[in-house]
Every structure is written in C-alpha cells, then in structure tokens.
Amino acid sequence: YKDQIAQLREKDLATYGFLGYPVLQSADILIYRATGVPVGE
C-alpha cells in the first residue's frame, strides 16, 4: 500500500478502491474456496 503510493506519485491513489484492493483480492480467492494461491514472495 505505502510502497505503491510512494512509487506512483503522479497518480491520485487516495481512493477507497486503492485502499480496499486487498479485500477485493481476498474475495477473488475466497469466492472459489481456493486451497492454494500461486504467488511470488
């Protein structure tokens, strides 16, 4: 969250959608009752 705000200073990221995107990401996973999620560190 803080990393992207620092890196993308030219964009206005003071939005509800940006703050809440990890919740949308959680919904993406939980909606399929996934047991595993392939990700990088």
Full PDB file with SEQRES, HELIX, SHEET, SSBOND, CRYST1, ORIGX, SCALE, CONECT and MASTER records, all heavy atoms in Angstrom:
SEQRES   1 A   41  TYR LYS ASP GLN ILE ALA GLN LEU ARG GLU LYS ASP LEU          
SEQRES   2 A   41  ALA THR TYR GLY PHE LEU GLY TYR PRO VAL LEU GLN SER          
SEQRES   3 A   41  ALA ASP ILE LEU ILE TYR ARG ALA THR GLY VAL PRO VAL          
SEQRES   4 A   41  GLY GLU                                                      
HELIX    1 AA1 LYS A    2  GLN A    7  1                                   6    
HELIX    2 AA2 TYR A   16  LEU A   19  1                                   4    
HELIX    3 AA3 TYR A   21  LEU A   30  1                                  10    
CRYST1    1.000    1.000    1.000  90.00  90.00  90.00 P 1           1          
ORIGX1      1.000000  0.000000  0.000000        0.00000                         
ORIGX2      0.000000  1.000000  0.000000        0.00000                         
ORIGX3      0.000000  0.000000  1.000000        0.00000                         
SCALE1      1.000000  0.000000  0.000000        0.00000                         
SCALE2      0.000000  1.000000  0.000000        0.00000                         
SCALE3      0.000000  0.000000  1.000000        0.00000                         
ATOM      1  N   TYR A   1       0.834  -1.208   0.000  1.00  0.00           N  
ATOM      2  CA  TYR A   1       0.000   0.000   0.000  1.00  0.00           C  
ATOM      3  C   TYR A   1       0.865   1.253   0.000  1.00  0.00           C  
ATOM      4  O   TYR A   1       0.786   2.096  -0.895  1.00  0.00           O  
ATOM      5  CB  TYR A   1      -0.942  -0.025   1.200  1.00  0.00           C  
ATOM      6  CG  TYR A   1      -1.771   1.231   1.375  1.00  0.00           C  
ATOM      7  CD1 TYR A   1      -2.725   1.587   0.432  1.00  0.00           C  
ATOM      8  CD2 TYR A   1      -1.602   2.051   2.478  1.00  0.00           C  
ATOM      9  CE1 TYR A   1      -3.490   2.739   0.574  1.00  0.00           C  
ATOM     10  CE2 TYR A   1      -2.352   3.201   2.641  1.00  0.00           C  
ATOM     11  CZ  TYR A   1      -3.300   3.534   1.693  1.00  0.00           C  
ATOM     12  OH  TYR A   1      -4.043   4.676   1.841  1.00  0.00           O  
ATOM     13  N   LYS A   2       1.735   1.365   1.002  1.00  0.00           N  
ATOM     14  CA  LYS A   2       2.598   2.547   1.091  1.00  0.00           C  
ATOM     15  C   LYS A   2       3.648   2.552  -0.023  1.00  0.00           C  
ATOM     16  O   LYS A   2       4.019   3.605  -0.542  1.00  0.00           O  
ATOM     17  CB  LYS A   2       3.267   2.605   2.456  1.00  0.00           C  
ATOM     18  CG  LYS A   2       2.294   2.904   3.591  1.00  0.00           C  
ATOM     19  CD  LYS A   2       2.991   3.008   4.931  1.00  0.00           C  
ATOM     20  CE  LYS A   2       2.002   3.324   6.036  1.00  0.00           C  
ATOM     21  NZ  LYS A   2       2.663   3.383   7.377  1.00  0.00           N  
ATOM     22  N   ASP A   3       4.123   1.364  -0.403  1.00  0.00           N  
ATOM     23  CA  ASP A   3       5.133   1.283  -1.467  1.00  0.00           C  
ATOM     24  C   ASP A   3       4.601   1.862  -2.774  1.00  0.00           C  
ATOM     25  O   ASP A   3       5.274   2.650  -3.439  1.00  0.00           O  
ATOM     26  CB  ASP A   3       5.563  -0.168  -1.691  1.00  0.00           C  
ATOM     27  CG  ASP A   3       6.402  -0.703  -0.534  1.00  0.00           C  
ATOM     28  OD1 ASP A   3       6.850   0.112   0.288  1.00  0.00           O  
ATOM     29  OD2 ASP A   3       6.594  -1.935  -0.457  1.00  0.00           O  
ATOM     30  N   GLN A   4       3.386   1.466  -3.154  1.00  0.00           N  
ATOM     31  CA  GLN A   4       2.845   1.929  -4.430  1.00  0.00           C  
ATOM     32  C   GLN A   4       2.494   3.413  -4.386  1.00  0.00           C  
ATOM     33  O   GLN A   4       2.636   4.117  -5.386  1.00  0.00           O  
ATOM     34  CB  GLN A   4       1.608   1.106  -4.808  1.00  0.00           C  
ATOM     35  CG  GLN A   4       1.956  -0.308  -5.213  1.00  0.00           C  
ATOM     36  CD  GLN A   4       1.070  -0.835  -6.325  1.00  0.00           C  
ATOM     37  OE1 GLN A   4       0.415  -0.091  -7.039  1.00  0.00           O  
ATOM     38  NE2 GLN A   4       1.045  -2.139  -6.467  1.00  0.00           N  
ATOM     39  N   ILE A   5       2.040   3.899  -3.245  1.00  0.00           N  
ATOM     40  CA  ILE A   5       1.763   5.331  -3.133  1.00  0.00           C  
ATOM     41  C   ILE A   5       3.053   6.120  -3.358  1.00  0.00           C  
ATOM     42  O   ILE A   5       3.058   7.163  -4.025  1.00  0.00           O  
ATOM     43  CB  ILE A   5       1.150   5.659  -1.761  1.00  0.00           C  
ATOM     44  CG1 ILE A   5      -0.316   5.203  -1.730  1.00  0.00           C  
ATOM     45  CG2 ILE A   5       1.249   7.147  -1.456  1.00  0.00           C  
ATOM     46  CD1 ILE A   5      -1.030   5.484  -0.433  1.00  0.00           C  
ATOM     47  N   ALA A   6       4.166   5.605  -2.813  1.00  0.00           N  
ATOM     48  CA  ALA A   6       5.452   6.289  -2.985  1.00  0.00           C  
ATOM     49  C   ALA A   6       5.950   6.199  -4.426  1.00  0.00           C  
ATOM     50  O   ALA A   6       6.509   7.162  -4.961  1.00  0.00           O  
ATOM     51  CB  ALA A   6       6.482   5.694  -2.031  1.00  0.00           C  
ATOM     52  N   GLN A   7       5.740   5.033  -5.065  1.00  0.00           N  
ATOM     53  CA  GLN A   7       6.265   4.819  -6.412  1.00  0.00           C  
ATOM     54  C   GLN A   7       5.415   5.490  -7.496  1.00  0.00           C  
ATOM     55  O   GLN A   7       5.930   5.876  -8.542  1.00  0.00           O  
ATOM     56  CB  GLN A   7       6.363   3.320  -6.700  1.00  0.00           C  
ATOM     57  CG  GLN A   7       7.406   2.601  -5.861  1.00  0.00           C  
ATOM     58  CD  GLN A   7       7.365   1.092  -6.052  1.00  0.00           C  
ATOM     59  OE1 GLN A   7       6.760   0.601  -6.998  1.00  0.00           O  
ATOM     60  NE2 GLN A   7       7.983   0.346  -5.150  1.00  0.00           N  
ATOM     61  N   LEU A   8       4.122   5.610  -7.253  1.00  0.00           N  
ATOM     62  CA  LEU A   8       3.201   6.153  -8.263  1.00  0.00           C  
ATOM     63  C   LEU A   8       2.706   7.534  -7.835  1.00  0.00           C  
ATOM     64  O   LEU A   8       1.513   7.802  -7.780  1.00  0.00           O  
ATOM     65  CB  LEU A   8       2.022   5.190  -8.471  1.00  0.00           C  
ATOM     66  CG  LEU A   8       2.386   3.759  -8.902  1.00  0.00           C  
ATOM     67  CD1 LEU A   8       1.153   2.879  -8.947  1.00  0.00           C  
ATOM     68  CD2 LEU A   8       3.096   3.760 -10.250  1.00  0.00           C  
ATOM     69  N   ARG A   9       3.634   8.404  -7.559  1.00  0.00           N  
ATOM     70  CA  ARG A   9       3.281   9.730  -7.048  1.00  0.00           C  
ATOM     71  C   ARG A   9       2.519  10.577  -8.061  1.00  0.00           C  
ATOM     72  O   ARG A   9       1.813  11.518  -7.689  1.00  0.00           O  
ATOM     73  CB  ARG A   9       4.561  10.466  -6.621  1.00  0.00           C  
ATOM     74  CG  ARG A   9       5.213   9.854  -5.390  1.00  0.00           C  
ATOM     75  CD  ARG A   9       6.506  10.559  -5.038  1.00  0.00           C  
ATOM     76  NE  ARG A   9       7.149   9.944  -3.888  1.00  0.00           N  
ATOM     77  CZ  ARG A   9       8.366  10.252  -3.456  1.00  0.00           C  
ATOM     78  NH1 ARG A   9       9.075  11.174  -4.097  1.00  0.00           N  
ATOM     79  NH2 ARG A   9       8.874   9.654  -2.392  1.00  0.00           N  
ATOM     80  N   GLU A  10       2.681  10.240  -9.342  1.00  0.00           N  
ATOM     81  CA  GLU A  10       1.988  11.032 -10.357  1.00  0.00           C  
ATOM     82  C   GLU A  10       0.500  10.711 -10.425  1.00  0.00           C  
ATOM     83  O   GLU A  10      -0.271  11.415 -11.065  1.00  0.00           O  
ATOM     84  CB  GLU A  10       2.619  10.787 -11.736  1.00  0.00           C  
ATOM     85  CG  GLU A  10       2.321   9.434 -12.372  1.00  0.00           C  
ATOM     86  CD  GLU A  10       3.137   8.276 -11.804  1.00  0.00           C  
ATOM     87  OE1 GLU A  10       3.939   8.515 -10.868  1.00  0.00           O  
ATOM     88  OE2 GLU A  10       2.974   7.146 -12.294  1.00  0.00           O  
ATOM     89  N   LYS A  11       0.069   9.636  -9.745  1.00  0.00           N  
ATOM     90  CA  LYS A  11      -1.339   9.240  -9.749  1.00  0.00           C  
ATOM     91  C   LYS A  11      -1.987   9.595  -8.411  1.00  0.00           C  
ATOM     92  O   LYS A  11      -1.334   9.556  -7.367  1.00  0.00           O  
ATOM     93  CB  LYS A  11      -1.476   7.730  -9.995  1.00  0.00           C  
ATOM     94  CG  LYS A  11      -1.034   7.283 -11.378  1.00  0.00           C  
ATOM     95  CD  LYS A  11      -1.213   5.790 -11.542  1.00  0.00           C  
ATOM     96  CE  LYS A  11      -0.814   5.330 -12.940  1.00  0.00           C  
ATOM     97  NZ  LYS A  11      -1.758   5.782 -13.964  1.00  0.00           N  
ATOM     98  N   ASP A  12      -3.267   9.902  -8.437  1.00  0.00           N  
ATOM     99  CA  ASP A  12      -4.016  10.146  -7.208  1.00  0.00           C  
ATOM    100  C   ASP A  12      -4.531   8.804  -6.692  1.00  0.00           C  
ATOM    101  O   ASP A  12      -5.516   8.259  -7.198  1.00  0.00           O  
ATOM    102  CB  ASP A  12      -5.184  11.091  -7.488  1.00  0.00           C  
ATOM    103  CG  ASP A  12      -6.007  11.362  -6.225  1.00  0.00           C  
ATOM    104  OD1 ASP A  12      -5.556  10.959  -5.136  1.00  0.00           O  
ATOM    105  OD2 ASP A  12      -7.094  11.966  -6.339  1.00  0.00           O  
ATOM    106  N   LEU A  13      -3.840   8.256  -5.703  1.00  0.00           N  
ATOM    107  CA  LEU A  13      -4.224   6.951  -5.148  1.00  0.00           C  
ATOM    108  C   LEU A  13      -4.933   7.083  -3.804  1.00  0.00           C  
ATOM    109  O   LEU A  13      -5.097   6.095  -3.087  1.00  0.00           O  
ATOM    110  CB  LEU A  13      -2.979   6.066  -4.999  1.00  0.00           C  
ATOM    111  CG  LEU A  13      -2.267   5.708  -6.315  1.00  0.00           C  
ATOM    112  CD1 LEU A  13      -1.097   4.776  -6.054  1.00  0.00           C  
ATOM    113  CD2 LEU A  13      -3.227   5.082  -7.317  1.00  0.00           C  
ATOM    114  N   ALA A  14      -5.351   8.289  -3.476  1.00  0.00           N  
ATOM    115  CA  ALA A  14      -6.099   8.482  -2.231  1.00  0.00           C  
ATOM    116  C   ALA A  14      -7.567   8.155  -2.486  1.00  0.00           C  
ATOM    117  O   ALA A  14      -8.467   8.997  -2.347  1.00  0.00           O  
ATOM    118  CB  ALA A  14      -5.938   9.919  -1.740  1.00  0.00           C  
ATOM    119  N   THR A  15      -7.817   6.893  -2.883  1.00  0.00           N  
ATOM    120  CA  THR A  15      -9.171   6.453  -3.216  1.00  0.00           C  
ATOM    121  C   THR A  15      -9.552   5.254  -2.358  1.00  0.00           C  
ATOM    122  O   THR A  15      -8.699   4.489  -1.903  1.00  0.00           O  
ATOM    123  CB  THR A  15      -9.272   6.035  -4.693  1.00  0.00           C  
ATOM    124  OG1 THR A  15      -8.397   4.922  -4.928  1.00  0.00           O  
ATOM    125  CG2 THR A  15      -8.895   7.189  -5.622  1.00  0.00           C  
ATOM    126  N   TYR A  16     -10.845   5.084  -2.186  1.00  0.00           N  
ATOM    127  CA  TYR A  16     -11.342   3.921  -1.450  1.00  0.00           C  
ATOM    128  C   TYR A  16     -10.967   2.629  -2.172  1.00  0.00           C  
ATOM    129  O   TYR A  16     -10.593   1.634  -1.556  1.00  0.00           O  
ATOM    130  CB  TYR A  16     -12.865   4.012  -1.306  1.00  0.00           C  
ATOM    131  CG  TYR A  16     -13.504   2.723  -0.852  1.00  0.00           C  
ATOM    132  CD1 TYR A  16     -13.411   2.294   0.466  1.00  0.00           C  
ATOM    133  CD2 TYR A  16     -14.171   1.902  -1.762  1.00  0.00           C  
ATOM    134  CE1 TYR A  16     -13.977   1.091   0.877  1.00  0.00           C  
ATOM    135  CE2 TYR A  16     -14.731   0.710  -1.361  1.00  0.00           C  
ATOM    136  CZ  TYR A  16     -14.630   0.310  -0.041  1.00  0.00           C  
ATOM    137  OH  TYR A  16     -15.183  -0.882   0.345  1.00  0.00           O  
ATOM    138  N   GLY A  17     -11.042   2.665  -3.507  1.00  0.00           N  
ATOM    139  CA  GLY A  17     -10.747   1.457  -4.287  1.00  0.00           C  
ATOM    140  C   GLY A  17      -9.323   0.994  -4.098  1.00  0.00           C  
ATOM    141  O   GLY A  17      -9.067  -0.212  -3.985  1.00  0.00           O  
ATOM    142  N   PHE A  18      -8.375   1.934  -4.043  1.00  0.00           N  
ATOM    143  CA  PHE A  18      -6.980   1.537  -3.888  1.00  0.00           C  
ATOM    144  C   PHE A  18      -6.712   1.004  -2.477  1.00  0.00           C  
ATOM    145  O   PHE A  18      -6.040  -0.008  -2.310  1.00  0.00           O  
ATOM    146  CB  PHE A  18      -6.047   2.707  -4.179  1.00  0.00           C  
ATOM    147  CG  PHE A  18      -4.590   2.334  -4.099  1.00  0.00           C  
ATOM    148  CD1 PHE A  18      -4.025   1.489  -5.032  1.00  0.00           C  
ATOM    149  CD2 PHE A  18      -3.797   2.805  -3.066  1.00  0.00           C  
ATOM    150  CE1 PHE A  18      -2.691   1.115  -4.948  1.00  0.00           C  
ATOM    151  CE2 PHE A  18      -2.454   2.443  -2.977  1.00  0.00           C  
ATOM    152  CZ  PHE A  18      -1.904   1.603  -3.923  1.00  0.00           C  
ATOM    153  N   LEU A  19      -7.262   1.666  -1.471  1.00  0.00           N  
ATOM    154  CA  LEU A  19      -7.093   1.174  -0.108  1.00  0.00           C  
ATOM    155  C   LEU A  19      -7.718  -0.213   0.055  1.00  0.00           C  
ATOM    156  O   LEU A  19      -7.162  -1.086   0.724  1.00  0.00           O  
ATOM    157  CB  LEU A  19      -7.730   2.146   0.891  1.00  0.00           C  
ATOM    158  CG  LEU A  19      -7.687   1.714   2.365  1.00  0.00           C  
ATOM    159  CD1 LEU A  19      -6.249   1.656   2.875  1.00  0.00           C  
ATOM    160  CD2 LEU A  19      -8.520   2.658   3.226  1.00  0.00           C  
ATOM    161  N   GLY A  20      -8.846  -0.420  -0.593  1.00  0.00           N  
ATOM    162  CA  GLY A  20      -9.572  -1.674  -0.401  1.00  0.00           C  
ATOM    163  C   GLY A  20      -9.237  -2.773  -1.386  1.00  0.00           C  
ATOM    164  O   GLY A  20      -9.845  -3.851  -1.326  1.00  0.00           O  
ATOM    165  N   TYR A  21      -8.236  -2.547  -2.274  1.00  0.00           N  
ATOM    166  CA  TYR A  21      -7.979  -3.592  -3.281  1.00  0.00           C  
ATOM    167  C   TYR A  21      -7.544  -4.919  -2.670  1.00  0.00           C  
ATOM    168  O   TYR A  21      -7.844  -5.980  -3.227  1.00  0.00           O  
ATOM    169  CB  TYR A  21      -7.000  -3.109  -4.357  1.00  0.00           C  
ATOM    170  CG  TYR A  21      -5.529  -3.246  -4.052  1.00  0.00           C  
ATOM    171  CD1 TYR A  21      -4.846  -4.425  -4.321  1.00  0.00           C  
ATOM    172  CD2 TYR A  21      -4.814  -2.190  -3.498  1.00  0.00           C  
ATOM    173  CE1 TYR A  21      -3.497  -4.551  -4.046  1.00  0.00           C  
ATOM    174  CE2 TYR A  21      -3.464  -2.310  -3.221  1.00  0.00           C  
ATOM    175  CZ  TYR A  21      -2.815  -3.488  -3.490  1.00  0.00           C  
ATOM    176  OH  TYR A  21      -1.476  -3.616  -3.212  1.00  0.00           O  
ATOM    177  N   PRO A  22      -6.842  -4.957  -1.487  1.00  0.00           N  
ATOM    178  CA  PRO A  22      -6.546  -6.277  -0.915  1.00  0.00           C  
ATOM    179  C   PRO A  22      -7.808  -7.048  -0.505  1.00  0.00           C  
ATOM    180  O   PRO A  22      -7.804  -8.278  -0.493  1.00  0.00           O  
ATOM    181  CB  PRO A  22      -5.679  -5.949   0.304  1.00  0.00           C  
ATOM    182  CG  PRO A  22      -5.099  -4.601   0.012  1.00  0.00           C  
ATOM    183  CD  PRO A  22      -6.187  -3.884  -0.721  1.00  0.00           C  
ATOM    184  N   VAL A  23      -8.891  -6.331  -0.184  1.00  0.00           N  
ATOM    185  CA  VAL A  23     -10.143  -7.012   0.153  1.00  0.00           C  
ATOM    186  C   VAL A  23     -10.752  -7.611  -1.109  1.00  0.00           C  
ATOM    187  O   VAL A  23     -11.264  -8.740  -1.096  1.00  0.00           O  
ATOM    188  CB  VAL A  23     -11.135  -6.041   0.834  1.00  0.00           C  
ATOM    189  CG1 VAL A  23     -12.416  -6.788   1.227  1.00  0.00           C  
ATOM    190  CG2 VAL A  23     -10.500  -5.406   2.065  1.00  0.00           C  
ATOM    191  N   LEU A  24     -10.689  -6.871  -2.216  1.00  0.00           N  
ATOM    192  CA  LEU A  24     -11.152  -7.430  -3.490  1.00  0.00           C  
ATOM    193  C   LEU A  24     -10.296  -8.632  -3.874  1.00  0.00           C  
ATOM    194  O   LEU A  24     -10.813  -9.648  -4.356  1.00  0.00           O  
ATOM    195  CB  LEU A  24     -11.092  -6.362  -4.585  1.00  0.00           C  
ATOM    196  CG  LEU A  24     -11.477  -6.799  -6.006  1.00  0.00           C  
ATOM    197  CD1 LEU A  24     -12.872  -7.400  -6.041  1.00  0.00           C  
ATOM    198  CD2 LEU A  24     -11.376  -5.625  -6.973  1.00  0.00           C  
ATOM    199  N   GLN A  25      -9.002  -8.538  -3.634  1.00  0.00           N  
ATOM    200  CA  GLN A  25      -8.111  -9.666  -3.932  1.00  0.00           C  
ATOM    201  C   GLN A  25      -8.486 -10.873  -3.074  1.00  0.00           C  
ATOM    202  O   GLN A  25      -8.488 -12.018  -3.558  1.00  0.00           O  
ATOM    203  CB  GLN A  25      -6.673  -9.243  -3.662  1.00  0.00           C  
ATOM    204  CG  GLN A  25      -5.624 -10.141  -4.296  1.00  0.00           C  
ATOM    205  CD  GLN A  25      -4.239  -9.535  -4.178  1.00  0.00           C  
ATOM    206  OE1 GLN A  25      -3.852  -9.043  -3.119  1.00  0.00           O  
ATOM    207  NE2 GLN A  25      -3.486  -9.559  -5.260  1.00  0.00           N  
ATOM    208  N   SER A  26      -8.833 -10.637  -1.825  1.00  0.00           N  
ATOM    209  CA  SER A  26      -9.271 -11.729  -0.952  1.00  0.00           C  
ATOM    210  C   SER A  26     -10.558 -12.348  -1.473  1.00  0.00           C  
ATOM    211  O   SER A  26     -10.719 -13.576  -1.466  1.00  0.00           O  
ATOM    212  CB  SER A  26      -9.481 -11.210   0.477  1.00  0.00           C  
ATOM    213  OG  SER A  26      -8.269 -10.772   1.039  1.00  0.00           O  
ATOM    214  N   ALA A  27     -11.482 -11.501  -1.927  1.00  0.00           N  
ATOM    215  CA  ALA A  27     -12.729 -12.019  -2.491  1.00  0.00           C  
ATOM    216  C   ALA A  27     -12.458 -12.869  -3.724  1.00  0.00           C  
ATOM    217  O   ALA A  27     -13.094 -13.919  -3.924  1.00  0.00           O  
ATOM    218  CB  ALA A  27     -13.661 -10.859  -2.838  1.00  0.00           C  
ATOM    219  N   ASP A  28     -11.505 -12.436  -4.558  1.00  0.00           N  
ATOM    220  CA  ASP A  28     -11.139 -13.203  -5.758  1.00  0.00           C  
ATOM    221  C   ASP A  28     -10.723 -14.623  -5.403  1.00  0.00           C  
ATOM    222  O   ASP A  28     -10.980 -15.572  -6.156  1.00  0.00           O  
ATOM    223  CB  ASP A  28      -9.969 -12.528  -6.485  1.00  0.00           C  
ATOM    224  CG  ASP A  28     -10.301 -11.140  -7.003  1.00  0.00           C  
ATOM    225  OD1 ASP A  28     -11.477 -10.876  -7.295  1.00  0.00           O  
ATOM    226  OD2 ASP A  28      -9.372 -10.316  -7.110  1.00  0.00           O  
ATOM    227  N   ILE A  29     -10.042 -14.765  -4.275  1.00  0.00           N  
ATOM    228  CA  ILE A  29      -9.527 -16.072  -3.850  1.00  0.00           C  
ATOM    229  C   ILE A  29     -10.617 -16.880  -3.150  1.00  0.00           C  
ATOM    230  O   ILE A  29     -10.868 -18.049  -3.461  1.00  0.00           O  
ATOM    231  CB  ILE A  29      -8.322 -15.878  -2.913  1.00  0.00           C  
ATOM    232  CG1 ILE A  29      -7.174 -15.187  -3.644  1.00  0.00           C  
ATOM    233  CG2 ILE A  29      -7.864 -17.218  -2.320  1.00  0.00           C  
ATOM    234  CD1 ILE A  29      -6.074 -14.660  -2.727  1.00  0.00           C  
ATOM    235  N   LEU A  30     -11.292 -16.243  -2.182  1.00  0.00           N  
ATOM    236  CA  LEU A  30     -12.234 -16.966  -1.325  1.00  0.00           C  
ATOM    237  C   LEU A  30     -13.504 -17.369  -2.059  1.00  0.00           C  
ATOM    238  O   LEU A  30     -14.147 -18.344  -1.669  1.00  0.00           O  
ATOM    239  CB  LEU A  30     -12.579 -16.104  -0.105  1.00  0.00           C  
ATOM    240  CG  LEU A  30     -11.399 -15.781   0.814  1.00  0.00           C  
ATOM    241  CD1 LEU A  30     -11.815 -14.792   1.899  1.00  0.00           C  
ATOM    242  CD2 LEU A  30     -10.840 -17.049   1.451  1.00  0.00           C  
ATOM    243  N   ILE A  31     -13.867 -16.652  -3.119  1.00  0.00           N  
ATOM    244  CA  ILE A  31     -15.090 -16.972  -3.853  1.00  0.00           C  
ATOM    245  C   ILE A  31     -15.020 -18.372  -4.458  1.00  0.00           C  
ATOM    246  O   ILE A  31     -16.038 -19.027  -4.693  1.00  0.00           O  
ATOM    247  CB  ILE A  31     -15.356 -15.912  -4.952  1.00  0.00           C  
ATOM    248  CG1 ILE A  31     -16.798 -15.976  -5.440  1.00  0.00           C  
ATOM    249  CG2 ILE A  31     -14.401 -16.076  -6.124  1.00  0.00           C  
ATOM    250  CD1 ILE A  31     -17.781 -15.340  -4.539  1.00  0.00           C  
ATOM    251  N   TYR A  32     -13.783 -18.884  -4.685  1.00  0.00           N  
ATOM    252  CA  TYR A  32     -13.607 -20.234  -5.236  1.00  0.00           C  
ATOM    253  C   TYR A  32     -13.150 -21.227  -4.171  1.00  0.00           C  
ATOM    254  O   TYR A  32     -12.782 -22.350  -4.496  1.00  0.00           O  
ATOM    255  CB  TYR A  32     -12.635 -20.194  -6.423  1.00  0.00           C  
ATOM    256  CG  TYR A  32     -13.163 -19.274  -7.491  1.00  0.00           C  
ATOM    257  CD1 TYR A  32     -12.650 -18.003  -7.661  1.00  0.00           C  
ATOM    258  CD2 TYR A  32     -14.258 -19.662  -8.265  1.00  0.00           C  
ATOM    259  CE1 TYR A  32     -13.196 -17.128  -8.588  1.00  0.00           C  
ATOM    260  CE2 TYR A  32     -14.806 -18.792  -9.201  1.00  0.00           C  
ATOM    261  CZ  TYR A  32     -14.279 -17.530  -9.347  1.00  0.00           C  
ATOM    262  OH  TYR A  32     -14.837 -16.666 -10.253  1.00  0.00           O  
ATOM    263  N   ARG A  33     -13.144 -20.765  -2.912  1.00  0.00           N  
ATOM    264  CA  ARG A  33     -12.707 -21.612  -1.800  1.00  0.00           C  
ATOM    265  C   ARG A  33     -11.365 -22.264  -2.130  1.00  0.00           C  
ATOM    266  O   ARG A  33     -11.146 -23.459  -1.933  1.00  0.00           O  
ATOM    267  CB  ARG A  33     -13.769 -22.660  -1.479  1.00  0.00           C  
ATOM    268  CG  ARG A  33     -15.039 -22.042  -0.889  1.00  0.00           C  
ATOM    269  CD  ARG A  33     -16.120 -23.073  -0.670  1.00  0.00           C  
ATOM    270  NE  ARG A  33     -17.138 -22.581   0.240  1.00  0.00           N  
ATOM    271  CZ  ARG A  33     -18.456 -22.777   0.083  1.00  0.00           C  
ATOM    272  NH1 ARG A  33     -18.889 -23.445  -0.971  1.00  0.00           N  
ATOM    273  NH2 ARG A  33     -19.307 -22.316   0.959  1.00  0.00           N  
ATOM    274  N   ALA A  34     -10.468 -21.444  -2.645  1.00  0.00           N  
ATOM    275  CA  ALA A  34      -9.167 -21.941  -3.097  1.00  0.00           C  
ATOM    276  C   ALA A  34      -8.346 -22.467  -1.926  1.00  0.00           C  
ATOM    277  O   ALA A  34      -8.343 -21.883  -0.849  1.00  0.00           O  
ATOM    278  CB  ALA A  34      -8.405 -20.814  -3.801  1.00  0.00           C  
ATOM    279  N   THR A  35      -7.661 -23.558  -2.160  1.00  0.00           N  
ATOM    280  CA  THR A  35      -6.754 -24.103  -1.142  1.00  0.00           C  
ATOM    281  C   THR A  35      -5.341 -23.579  -1.321  1.00  0.00           C  
ATOM    282  O   THR A  35      -4.556 -23.577  -0.370  1.00  0.00           O  
ATOM    283  CB  THR A  35      -6.724 -25.635  -1.217  1.00  0.00           C  
ATOM    284  OG1 THR A  35      -6.366 -26.030  -2.548  1.00  0.00           O  
ATOM    285  CG2 THR A  35      -8.092 -26.227  -0.875  1.00  0.00           C  
ATOM    286  N   GLY A  36      -4.998 -23.140  -2.540  1.00  0.00           N  
ATOM    287  CA  GLY A  36      -3.652 -22.642  -2.798  1.00  0.00           C  
ATOM    288  C   GLY A  36      -3.679 -21.482  -3.774  1.00  0.00           C  
ATOM    289  O   GLY A  36      -4.535 -21.426  -4.660  1.00  0.00           O  
ATOM    290  N   VAL A  37      -2.740 -20.549  -3.588  1.00  0.00           N  
ATOM    291  CA  VAL A  37      -2.645 -19.382  -4.468  1.00  0.00           C  
ATOM    292  C   VAL A  37      -1.188 -19.253  -4.911  1.00  0.00           C  
ATOM    293  O   VAL A  37      -0.304 -18.987  -4.091  1.00  0.00           O  
ATOM    294  CB  VAL A  37      -3.070 -18.087  -3.748  1.00  0.00           C  
ATOM    295  CG1 VAL A  37      -3.165 -16.937  -4.751  1.00  0.00           C  
ATOM    296  CG2 VAL A  37      -4.390 -18.275  -3.026  1.00  0.00           C  
ATOM    297  N   PRO A  38      -0.889 -19.461  -6.212  1.00  0.00           N  
ATOM    298  CA  PRO A  38       0.495 -19.340  -6.677  1.00  0.00           C  
ATOM    299  C   PRO A  38       0.922 -17.876  -6.729  1.00  0.00           C  
ATOM    300  O   PRO A  38       0.351 -17.084  -7.482  1.00  0.00           O  
ATOM    301  CB  PRO A  38       0.458 -19.965  -8.077  1.00  0.00           C  
ATOM    302  CG  PRO A  38      -0.966 -19.826  -8.520  1.00  0.00           C  
ATOM    303  CD  PRO A  38      -1.809 -19.859  -7.283  1.00  0.00           C  
ATOM    304  N   VAL A  39       1.886 -17.514  -5.908  1.00  0.00           N  
ATOM    305  CA  VAL A  39       2.346 -16.122  -5.833  1.00  0.00           C  
ATOM    306  C   VAL A  39       3.860 -16.075  -5.672  1.00  0.00           C  
ATOM    307  O   VAL A  39       4.497 -17.051  -5.269  1.00  0.00           O  
ATOM    308  CB  VAL A  39       1.712 -15.375  -4.634  1.00  0.00           C  
ATOM    309  CG1 VAL A  39       0.220 -15.179  -4.826  1.00  0.00           C  
ATOM    310  CG2 VAL A  39       1.994 -16.105  -3.323  1.00  0.00           C  
ATOM    311  N   GLY A  40       4.425 -14.900  -5.966  1.00  0.00           N  
ATOM    312  CA  GLY A  40       5.809 -14.623  -5.634  1.00  0.00           C  
ATOM    313  C   GLY A  40       5.905 -14.139  -4.197  1.00  0.00           C  
ATOM    314  O   GLY A  40       4.888 -13.872  -3.546  1.00  0.00           O  
ATOM    315  N   GLU A  41       7.118 -14.007  -3.693  1.00  0.00           N  
ATOM    316  CA  GLU A  41       7.299 -13.624  -2.299  1.00  0.00           C  
ATOM    317  C   GLU A  41       6.669 -12.274  -1.978  1.00  0.00           C  
ATOM    318  O   GLU A  41       6.208 -12.050  -0.858  1.00  0.00           O  
ATOM    319  CB  GLU A  41       8.795 -13.598  -1.956  1.00  0.00           C  
ATOM    320  CG  GLU A  41       9.423 -14.991  -1.902  1.00  0.00           C  
ATOM    321  CD  GLU A  41      10.864 -14.958  -1.453  1.00  0.00           C  
ATOM    322  OE1 GLU A  41      11.353 -13.861  -1.123  1.00  0.00           O  
ATOM    323  OE2 GLU A  41      11.489 -16.022  -1.426  1.00  0.00           O  
TER     324      GLU A  41                                                      
MASTER        0    0    0    3    0    0    0    6  323    1    0    4          
END                                                                             
